[in-house]
Amino acid sequence: MGRDVNAESTVRNLLLVPTSEGWHMRIGCWSGSPDDLAEMIAKDEGWPEAKGNEITRRRPYLEAALALCRVHMADHPSVISDLAERWGK
């Protein structure tokens, strides 16, 4: 994919993990829920290790990564409820 979020480029790794409580993402040095990522993408400040023009440059990569994850989550709608049931949560 590209380079790490906290490096001079954008994304080296993308991890999407289903848990019994919901989906968890890790992109570079950032981690949280897909909704958390969407909130960060919408802001022009508060990004880990990025400011100003670097946020503007990274935003399309993170939007694309989030879109890919949303397609995957939509394609697997019962994963979270199945895990919650399996783990008794």
PDB file of N, CA and C in Angstrom:
ATOM      1  N   MET A   1       0.842  -1.176   0.000  1.00  0.00           N
ATOM      2  CA  MET A   1       0.000   0.000   0.000  1.00  0.00           C
ATOM      3  C   MET A   1       0.883   1.233   0.000  1.00  0.00           C
ATOM      4  N   GLY A   2       1.246   2.058   0.628  1.00  0.00           N
ATOM      5  CA  GLY A   2       2.174   3.171   0.652  1.00  0.00           C
ATOM      6  C   GLY A   2       3.079   3.025   1.820  1.00  0.00           C
ATOM      7  N   ARG A   3       3.388   4.094   2.445  1.00  0.00           N
ATOM      8  CA  ARG A   3       4.226   4.064   3.644  1.00  0.00           C
ATOM      9  C   ARG A   3       3.399   4.351   4.890  1.00  0.00           C
ATOM     10  N   ASP A   4       4.044   4.351   6.026  1.00  0.00           N
ATOM     11  CA  ASP A   4       3.373   4.483   7.316  1.00  0.00           C
ATOM     12  C   ASP A   4       2.784   5.877   7.528  1.00  0.00           C
ATOM     13  N   VAL A   5       1.655   5.969   8.227  1.00  0.00           N
ATOM     14  CA  VAL A   5       1.006   7.247   8.512  1.00  0.00           C
ATOM     15  C   VAL A   5       1.964   8.194   9.217  1.00  0.00           C
ATOM     16  N   ASN A   6       2.809   7.692  10.098  1.00  0.00           N
ATOM     17  CA  ASN A   6       3.692   8.579  10.829  1.00  0.00           C
ATOM     18  C   ASN A   6       5.017   8.813  10.113  1.00  0.00           C
ATOM     19  N   ALA A   7       5.178   8.312   8.927  1.00  0.00           N
ATOM     20  CA  ALA A   7       6.370   8.585   8.131  1.00  0.00           C
ATOM     21  C   ALA A   7       6.047   9.718   7.173  1.00  0.00           C
ATOM     22  N   GLU A   8       6.919   9.965   6.229  1.00  0.00           N
ATOM     23  CA  GLU A   8       6.677  11.068   5.308  1.00  0.00           C
ATOM     24  C   GLU A   8       5.587  10.761   4.303  1.00  0.00           C
ATOM     25  N   SER A   9       5.126   9.530   4.222  1.00  0.00           N
ATOM     26  CA  SER A   9       4.074   9.174   3.286  1.00  0.00           C
ATOM     27  C   SER A   9       2.789   8.878   4.034  1.00  0.00           C
ATOM     28  N   THR A  10       2.046   7.864   3.589  1.00  0.00           N
ATOM     29  CA  THR A  10       0.716   7.706   4.138  1.00  0.00           C
ATOM     30  C   THR A  10       0.468   6.383   4.847  1.00  0.00           C
ATOM     31  N   VAL A  11       0.319   5.281   4.152  1.00  0.00           N
ATOM     32  CA  VAL A  11      -0.128   4.051   4.805  1.00  0.00           C
ATOM     33  C   VAL A  11       0.778   2.890   4.434  1.00  0.00           C
ATOM     34  N   ARG A  12       1.392   2.288   5.428  1.00  0.00           N
ATOM     35  CA  ARG A  12       2.177   1.082   5.205  1.00  0.00           C
ATOM     36  C   ARG A  12       1.360  -0.145   5.558  1.00  0.00           C
ATOM     37  N   ASN A  13       0.534  -0.018   6.565  1.00  0.00           N
ATOM     38  CA  ASN A  13      -0.250  -1.169   6.978  1.00  0.00           C
ATOM     39  C   ASN A  13      -1.674  -0.741   7.311  1.00  0.00           C
ATOM     40  N   LEU A  14      -2.560  -1.670   7.084  1.00  0.00           N
ATOM     41  CA  LEU A  14      -3.978  -1.467   7.390  1.00  0.00           C
ATOM     42  C   LEU A  14      -4.479  -2.768   7.992  1.00  0.00           C
ATOM     43  N   LEU A  15      -5.016  -2.674   9.185  1.00  0.00           N
ATOM     44  CA  LEU A  15      -5.530  -3.841   9.867  1.00  0.00           C
ATOM     45  C   LEU A  15      -6.970  -3.562  10.264  1.00  0.00           C
ATOM     46  N   LEU A  16      -7.855  -4.461   9.908  1.00  0.00           N
ATOM     47  CA  LEU A  16      -9.270  -4.378  10.291  1.00  0.00           C
ATOM     48  C   LEU A  16      -9.599  -5.666  11.033  1.00  0.00           C
ATOM     49  N   VAL A  17      -9.978  -5.529  12.304  1.00  0.00           N
ATOM     50  CA  VAL A  17     -10.186  -6.697  13.152  1.00  0.00           C
ATOM     51  C   VAL A  17     -11.603  -6.687  13.715  1.00  0.00           C
ATOM     52  N   PRO A  18     -12.344  -7.774  13.517  1.00  0.00           N
ATOM     53  CA  PRO A  18     -13.654  -7.864  14.157  1.00  0.00           C
ATOM     54  C   PRO A  18     -13.473  -8.269  15.618  1.00  0.00           C
ATOM     55  N   THR A  19     -14.183  -7.608  16.502  1.00  0.00           N
ATOM     56  CA  THR A  19     -14.199  -7.988  17.916  1.00  0.00           C
ATOM     57  C   THR A  19     -15.656  -8.146  18.317  1.00  0.00           C
ATOM     58  N   SER A  20     -15.894  -8.689  19.482  1.00  0.00           N
ATOM     59  CA  SER A  20     -17.284  -8.873  19.925  1.00  0.00           C
ATOM     60  C   SER A  20     -17.975  -7.534  20.178  1.00  0.00           C
ATOM     61  N   GLU A  21     -17.201  -6.458  20.283  1.00  0.00           N
ATOM     62  CA  GLU A  21     -17.767  -5.131  20.539  1.00  0.00           C
ATOM     63  C   GLU A  21     -17.845  -4.257  19.300  1.00  0.00           C
ATOM     64  N   GLY A  22     -17.319  -4.719  18.186  1.00  0.00           N
ATOM     65  CA  GLY A  22     -17.342  -3.940  16.947  1.00  0.00           C
ATOM     66  C   GLY A  22     -16.029  -4.075  16.199  1.00  0.00           C
ATOM     67  N   TRP A  23     -15.926  -3.363  15.094  1.00  0.00           N
ATOM     68  CA  TRP A  23     -14.726  -3.415  14.262  1.00  0.00           C
ATOM     69  C   TRP A  23     -13.657  -2.493  14.833  1.00  0.00           C
ATOM     70  N   HIS A  24     -12.410  -2.941  14.781  1.00  0.00           N
ATOM     71  CA  HIS A  24     -11.260  -2.151  15.237  1.00  0.00           C
ATOM     72  C   HIS A  24     -10.289  -2.033  14.067  1.00  0.00           C
ATOM     73  N   MET A  25      -9.767  -0.831  13.864  1.00  0.00           N
ATOM     74  CA  MET A  25      -8.820  -0.582  12.769  1.00  0.00           C
ATOM     75  C   MET A  25      -7.481  -0.109  13.324  1.00  0.00           C
ATOM     76  N   ARG A  26      -6.438  -0.411  12.594  1.00  0.00           N
ATOM     77  CA  ARG A  26      -5.117   0.149  12.857  1.00  0.00           C
ATOM     78  C   ARG A  26      -4.517   0.523  11.515  1.00  0.00           C
ATOM     79  N   ILE A  27      -4.142   1.785  11.392  1.00  0.00           N
ATOM     80  CA  ILE A  27      -3.483   2.291  10.184  1.00  0.00           C
ATOM     81  C   ILE A  27      -2.263   3.060  10.662  1.00  0.00           C
ATOM     82  N   GLY A  28      -1.086   2.533  10.344  1.00  0.00           N
ATOM     83  CA  GLY A  28       0.136   3.186  10.795  1.00  0.00           C
ATOM     84  C   GLY A  28       0.128   3.323  12.300  1.00  0.00           C
ATOM     85  N   CYS A  29       0.283   4.558  12.800  1.00  0.00           N
ATOM     86  CA  CYS A  29       0.336   4.797  14.251  1.00  0.00           C
ATOM     87  C   CYS A  29      -1.043   5.039  14.855  1.00  0.00           C
ATOM     88  N   TRP A  30      -2.093   5.075  14.035  1.00  0.00           N
ATOM     89  CA  TRP A  30      -3.438   5.365  14.515  1.00  0.00           C
ATOM     90  C   TRP A  30      -4.200   4.066  14.724  1.00  0.00           C
ATOM     91  N   SER A  31      -5.066   4.027  15.763  1.00  0.00           N
ATOM     92  CA  SER A  31      -5.984   2.896  15.924  1.00  0.00           C
ATOM     93  C   SER A  31      -7.281   3.397  16.533  1.00  0.00           C
ATOM     94  N   GLY A  32      -8.359   2.715  16.216  1.00  0.00           N
ATOM     95  CA  GLY A  32      -9.678   3.063  16.713  1.00  0.00           C
ATOM     96  C   GLY A  32     -10.741   2.401  15.864  1.00  0.00           C
ATOM     97  N   SER A  33     -11.957   2.872  15.982  1.00  0.00           N
ATOM     98  CA  SER A  33     -13.070   2.312  15.196  1.00  0.00           C
ATOM     99  C   SER A  33     -13.121   2.989  13.829  1.00  0.00           C
ATOM    100  N   PRO A  34     -13.808   2.378  12.877  1.00  0.00           N
ATOM    101  CA  PRO A  34     -13.992   3.041  11.581  1.00  0.00           C
ATOM    102  C   PRO A  34     -14.658   4.414  11.727  1.00  0.00           C
ATOM    103  N   ASP A  35     -15.606   4.545  12.637  1.00  0.00           N
ATOM    104  CA  ASP A  35     -16.246   5.850  12.851  1.00  0.00           C
ATOM    105  C   ASP A  35     -15.263   6.866  13.422  1.00  0.00           C
ATOM    106  N   ASP A  36     -14.368   6.400  14.296  1.00  0.00           N
ATOM    107  CA  ASP A  36     -13.324   7.294  14.818  1.00  0.00           C
ATOM    108  C   ASP A  36     -12.440   7.807  13.689  1.00  0.00           C
ATOM    109  N   LEU A  37     -12.099   6.915  12.761  1.00  0.00           N
ATOM    110  CA  LEU A  37     -11.259   7.325  11.630  1.00  0.00           C
ATOM    111  C   LEU A  37     -11.995   8.335  10.765  1.00  0.00           C
ATOM    112  N   ALA A  38     -13.269   8.100  10.506  1.00  0.00           N
ATOM    113  CA  ALA A  38     -14.057   9.042   9.706  1.00  0.00           C
ATOM    114  C   ALA A  38     -14.079  10.424  10.359  1.00  0.00           C
ATOM    115  N   GLU A  39     -14.202  10.460  11.683  1.00  0.00           N
ATOM    116  CA  GLU A  39     -14.190  11.741  12.405  1.00  0.00           C
ATOM    117  C   GLU A  39     -12.842  12.441  12.257  1.00  0.00           C
ATOM    118  N   MET A  40     -11.744  11.683  12.362  1.00  0.00           N
ATOM    119  CA  MET A  40     -10.425  12.278  12.222  1.00  0.00           C
ATOM    120  C   MET A  40     -10.215  12.816  10.806  1.00  0.00           C
ATOM    121  N   ILE A  41     -10.619  12.033   9.811  1.00  0.00           N
ATOM    122  CA  ILE A  41     -10.454  12.439   8.418  1.00  0.00           C
ATOM    123  C   ILE A  41     -11.161  13.764   8.154  1.00  0.00           C
ATOM    124  N   ALA A  42     -12.300  13.974   8.785  1.00  0.00           N
ATOM    125  CA  ALA A  42     -13.099  15.186   8.558  1.00  0.00           C
ATOM    126  C   ALA A  42     -12.479  16.438   9.178  1.00  0.00           C
ATOM    127  N   LYS A  43     -11.517  16.253  10.081  1.00  0.00           N
ATOM    128  CA  LYS A  43     -10.911  17.396  10.773  1.00  0.00           C
ATOM    129  C   LYS A  43      -9.640  17.858  10.069  1.00  0.00           C
ATOM    130  N   ASP A  44      -9.286  19.097  10.304  1.00  0.00           N
ATOM    131  CA  ASP A  44      -8.055  19.652   9.754  1.00  0.00           C
ATOM    132  C   ASP A  44      -6.961  19.779  10.812  1.00  0.00           C
ATOM    133  N   GLU A  45      -7.208  19.242  11.982  1.00  0.00           N
ATOM    134  CA  GLU A  45      -6.195  19.231  13.037  1.00  0.00           C
ATOM    135  C   GLU A  45      -6.449  18.048  13.939  1.00  0.00           C
ATOM    136  N   GLY A  46      -5.494  17.752  14.811  1.00  0.00           N
ATOM    137  CA  GLY A  46      -5.655  16.636  15.729  1.00  0.00           C
ATOM    138  C   GLY A  46      -5.252  15.294  15.150  1.00  0.00           C
ATOM    139  N   TRP A  47      -4.543  15.310  14.021  1.00  0.00           N
ATOM    140  CA  TRP A  47      -4.058  14.069  13.429  1.00  0.00           C
ATOM    141  C   TRP A  47      -2.751  13.680  14.104  1.00  0.00           C
ATOM    142  N   PRO A  48      -2.505  12.390  14.305  1.00  0.00           N
ATOM    143  CA  PRO A  48      -1.226  11.998  14.894  1.00  0.00           C
ATOM    144  C   PRO A  48      -0.090  12.239  13.895  1.00  0.00           C
ATOM    145  N   GLU A  49       0.860  13.000  14.323  1.00  0.00           N
ATOM    146  CA  GLU A  49       2.088  13.236  13.565  1.00  0.00           C
ATOM    147  C   GLU A  49       1.869  13.824  12.174  1.00  0.00           C
ATOM    148  N   ALA A  50       0.833  14.626  12.002  1.00  0.00           N
ATOM    149  CA  ALA A  50       0.596  15.317  10.727  1.00  0.00           C
ATOM    150  C   ALA A  50      -0.048  16.665  10.999  1.00  0.00           C
ATOM    151  N   LYS A  51       0.379  17.666  10.226  1.00  0.00           N
ATOM    152  CA  LYS A  51      -0.179  19.013  10.348  1.00  0.00           C
ATOM    153  C   LYS A  51      -0.287  19.638   8.962  1.00  0.00           C
ATOM    154  N   GLY A  52      -1.189  20.612   8.845  1.00  0.00           N
ATOM    155  CA  GLY A  52      -1.291  21.429   7.640  1.00  0.00           C
ATOM    156  C   GLY A  52      -1.395  20.656   6.346  1.00  0.00           C
ATOM    157  N   ASN A  53      -0.463  20.942   5.428  1.00  0.00           N
ATOM    158  CA  ASN A  53      -0.483  20.319   4.103  1.00  0.00           C
ATOM    159  C   ASN A  53      -0.331  18.805   4.159  1.00  0.00           C
ATOM    160  N   GLU A  54       0.325  18.309   5.197  1.00  0.00           N
ATOM    161  CA  GLU A  54       0.493  16.857   5.323  1.00  0.00           C
ATOM    162  C   GLU A  54      -0.852  16.186   5.573  1.00  0.00           C
ATOM    163  N   ILE A  55      -1.726  16.822   6.329  1.00  0.00           N
ATOM    164  CA  ILE A  55      -3.077  16.285   6.529  1.00  0.00           C
ATOM    165  C   ILE A  55      -3.823  16.252   5.204  1.00  0.00           C
ATOM    166  N   THR A  56      -3.735  17.328   4.461  1.00  0.00           N
ATOM    167  CA  THR A  56      -4.400  17.402   3.158  1.00  0.00           C
ATOM    168  C   THR A  56      -3.887  16.321   2.219  1.00  0.00           C
ATOM    169  N   ARG A  57      -2.598  16.049   2.255  1.00  0.00           N
ATOM    170  CA  ARG A  57      -2.001  15.037   1.388  1.00  0.00           C
ATOM    171  C   ARG A  57      -2.415  13.625   1.810  1.00  0.00           C
ATOM    172  N   ARG A  58      -2.504  13.389   3.093  1.00  0.00           N
ATOM    173  CA  ARG A  58      -2.824  12.044   3.583  1.00  0.00           C
ATOM    174  C   ARG A  58      -4.308  11.708   3.520  1.00  0.00           C
ATOM    175  N   ARG A  59      -5.158  12.712   3.583  1.00  0.00           N
ATOM    176  CA  ARG A  59      -6.602  12.494   3.677  1.00  0.00           C
ATOM    177  C   ARG A  59      -7.146  11.530   2.603  1.00  0.00           C
ATOM    178  N   PRO A  60      -6.825  11.697   1.303  1.00  0.00           N
ATOM    179  CA  PRO A  60      -7.411  10.784   0.311  1.00  0.00           C
ATOM    180  C   PRO A  60      -7.004   9.320   0.511  1.00  0.00           C
ATOM    181  N   TYR A  61      -5.800   9.083   1.002  1.00  0.00           N
ATOM    182  CA  TYR A  61      -5.368   7.717   1.253  1.00  0.00           C
ATOM    183  C   TYR A  61      -6.180   7.093   2.382  1.00  0.00           C
ATOM    184  N   LEU A  62      -6.397   7.862   3.444  1.00  0.00           N
ATOM    185  CA  LEU A  62      -7.175   7.348   4.566  1.00  0.00           C
ATOM    186  C   LEU A  62      -8.648   7.195   4.197  1.00  0.00           C
ATOM    187  N   GLU A  63      -9.169   8.090   3.372  1.00  0.00           N
ATOM    188  CA  GLU A  63     -10.551   7.946   2.885  1.00  0.00           C
ATOM    189  C   GLU A  63     -10.689   6.658   2.078  1.00  0.00           C
ATOM    190  N   ALA A  64      -9.704   6.366   1.229  1.00  0.00           N
ATOM    191  CA  ALA A  64      -9.744   5.141   0.422  1.00  0.00           C
ATOM    192  C   ALA A  64      -9.643   3.905   1.308  1.00  0.00           C
ATOM    193  N   ALA A  65      -8.766   3.947   2.314  1.00  0.00           N
ATOM    194  CA  ALA A  65      -8.628   2.815   3.232  1.00  0.00           C
ATOM    195  C   ALA A  65      -9.935   2.578   3.992  1.00  0.00           C
ATOM    196  N   LEU A  66     -10.551   3.657   4.446  1.00  0.00           N
ATOM    197  CA  LEU A  66     -11.823   3.546   5.162  1.00  0.00           C
ATOM    198  C   LEU A  66     -12.910   2.987   4.247  1.00  0.00           C
ATOM    199  N   ALA A  67     -12.956   3.446   3.014  1.00  0.00           N
ATOM    200  CA  ALA A  67     -13.952   2.937   2.059  1.00  0.00           C
ATOM    201  C   ALA A  67     -13.775   1.434   1.840  1.00  0.00           C
ATOM    202  N   LEU A  68     -12.536   0.988   1.707  1.00  0.00           N
ATOM    203  CA  LEU A  68     -12.262  -0.438   1.533  1.00  0.00           C
ATOM    204  C   LEU A  68     -12.752  -1.225   2.753  1.00  0.00           C
ATOM    205  N   CYS A  69     -12.477  -0.714   3.934  1.00  0.00           N
ATOM    206  CA  CYS A  69     -12.927  -1.390   5.150  1.00  0.00           C
ATOM    207  C   CYS A  69     -14.448  -1.421   5.234  1.00  0.00           C
ATOM    208  N   ARG A  70     -15.096  -0.343   4.856  1.00  0.00           N
ATOM    209  CA  ARG A  70     -16.567  -0.310   4.901  1.00  0.00           C
ATOM    210  C   ARG A  70     -17.172  -1.331   3.924  1.00  0.00           C
ATOM    211  N   VAL A  71     -16.559  -1.511   2.765  1.00  0.00           N
ATOM    212  CA  VAL A  71     -17.032  -2.532   1.820  1.00  0.00           C
ATOM    213  C   VAL A  71     -16.884  -3.916   2.446  1.00  0.00           C
ATOM    214  N   HIS A  72     -15.743  -4.167   3.064  1.00  0.00           N
ATOM    215  CA  HIS A  72     -15.512  -5.463   3.710  1.00  0.00           C
ATOM    216  C   HIS A  72     -16.514  -5.701   4.841  1.00  0.00           C
ATOM    217  N   MET A  73     -16.732  -4.678   5.673  1.00  0.00           N
ATOM    218  CA  MET A  73     -17.684  -4.819   6.782  1.00  0.00           C
ATOM    219  C   MET A  73     -19.096  -5.076   6.263  1.00  0.00           C
ATOM    220  N   ALA A  74     -19.475  -4.399   5.205  1.00  0.00           N
ATOM    221  CA  ALA A  74     -20.812  -4.599   4.622  1.00  0.00           C
ATOM    222  C   ALA A  74     -20.950  -6.005   4.033  1.00  0.00           C
ATOM    223  N   ASP A  75     -19.838  -6.547   3.549  1.00  0.00           N
ATOM    224  CA  ASP A  75     -19.852  -7.887   2.965  1.00  0.00           C
ATOM    225  C   ASP A  75     -19.882  -8.974   4.042  1.00  0.00           C
ATOM    226  N   HIS A  76     -19.613  -8.606   5.280  1.00  0.00           N
ATOM    227  CA  HIS A  76     -19.596  -9.545   6.400  1.00  0.00           C
ATOM    228  C   HIS A  76     -20.444  -8.986   7.555  1.00  0.00           C
ATOM    229  N   PRO A  77     -21.747  -8.807   7.324  1.00  0.00           N
ATOM    230  CA  PRO A  77     -22.591  -8.102   8.304  1.00  0.00           C
ATOM    231  C   PRO A  77     -22.808  -8.833   9.618  1.00  0.00           C
ATOM    232  N   SER A  78     -22.658 -10.133   9.650  1.00  0.00           N
ATOM    233  CA  SER A  78     -22.977 -10.862  10.891  1.00  0.00           C
ATOM    234  C   SER A  78     -21.747 -11.208  11.721  1.00  0.00           C
ATOM    235  N   VAL A  79     -20.577 -10.811  11.288  1.00  0.00           N
ATOM    236  CA  VAL A  79     -19.347 -11.183  12.000  1.00  0.00           C
ATOM    237  C   VAL A  79     -19.368 -10.717  13.449  1.00  0.00           C
ATOM    238  N   ILE A  80     -19.729  -9.469  13.701  1.00  0.00           N
ATOM    239  CA  ILE A  80     -19.682  -8.929  15.053  1.00  0.00           C
ATOM    240  C   ILE A  80     -20.693  -9.634  15.950  1.00  0.00           C
ATOM    241  N   SER A  81     -21.916  -9.795  15.492  1.00  0.00           N
ATOM    242  CA  SER A  81     -22.923 -10.472  16.323  1.00  0.00           C
ATOM    243  C   SER A  81     -22.557 -11.944  16.538  1.00  0.00           C
ATOM    244  N   ASP A  82     -21.970 -12.589  15.544  1.00  0.00           N
ATOM    245  CA  ASP A  82     -21.526 -13.973  15.705  1.00  0.00           C
ATOM    246  C   ASP A  82     -20.436 -14.081  16.771  1.00  0.00           C
ATOM    247  N   LEU A  83     -19.487 -13.147  16.755  1.00  0.00           N
ATOM    248  CA  LEU A  83     -18.427 -13.159  17.765  1.00  0.00           C
ATOM    249  C   LEU A  83     -18.987 -12.886  19.152  1.00  0.00           C
ATOM    250  N   ALA A  84     -19.892 -11.933  19.257  1.00  0.00           N
ATOM    251  CA  ALA A  84     -20.499 -11.608  20.550  1.00  0.00           C
ATOM    252  C   ALA A  84     -21.224 -12.831  21.113  1.00  0.00           C
ATOM    253  N   GLU A  85     -21.938 -13.530  20.250  1.00  0.00           N
ATOM    254  CA  GLU A  85     -22.655 -14.739  20.680  1.00  0.00           C
ATOM    255  C   GLU A  85     -21.677 -15.824  21.092  1.00  0.00           C
ATOM    256  N   ARG A  86     -20.650 -16.022  20.273  1.00  0.00           N
ATOM    257  CA  ARG A  86     -19.662 -17.066  20.537  1.00  0.00           C
ATOM    258  C   ARG A  86     -18.929 -16.802  21.855  1.00  0.00           C
ATOM    259  N   TRP A  87     -18.626 -15.547  22.118  1.00  0.00           N
ATOM    260  CA  TRP A  87     -17.858 -15.186  23.322  1.00  0.00           C
ATOM    261  C   TRP A  87     -18.750 -14.803  24.489  1.00  0.00           C
ATOM    262  N   GLY A  88     -20.072 -14.936  24.304  1.00  0.00           N
ATOM    263  CA  GLY A  88     -21.009 -14.676  25.393  1.00  0.00           C
ATOM    264  C   GLY A  88     -21.073 -13.223  25.824  1.00  0.00           C
ATOM    265  N   LYS A  89     -20.967 -12.312  24.870  1.00  0.00           N
ATOM    266  CA  LYS A  89     -21.005 -10.876  25.214  1.00  0.00           C
ATOM    267  C   LYS A  89     -22.277 -10.239  24.722  1.00  0.00           C
TER     268      LYS A  89
END
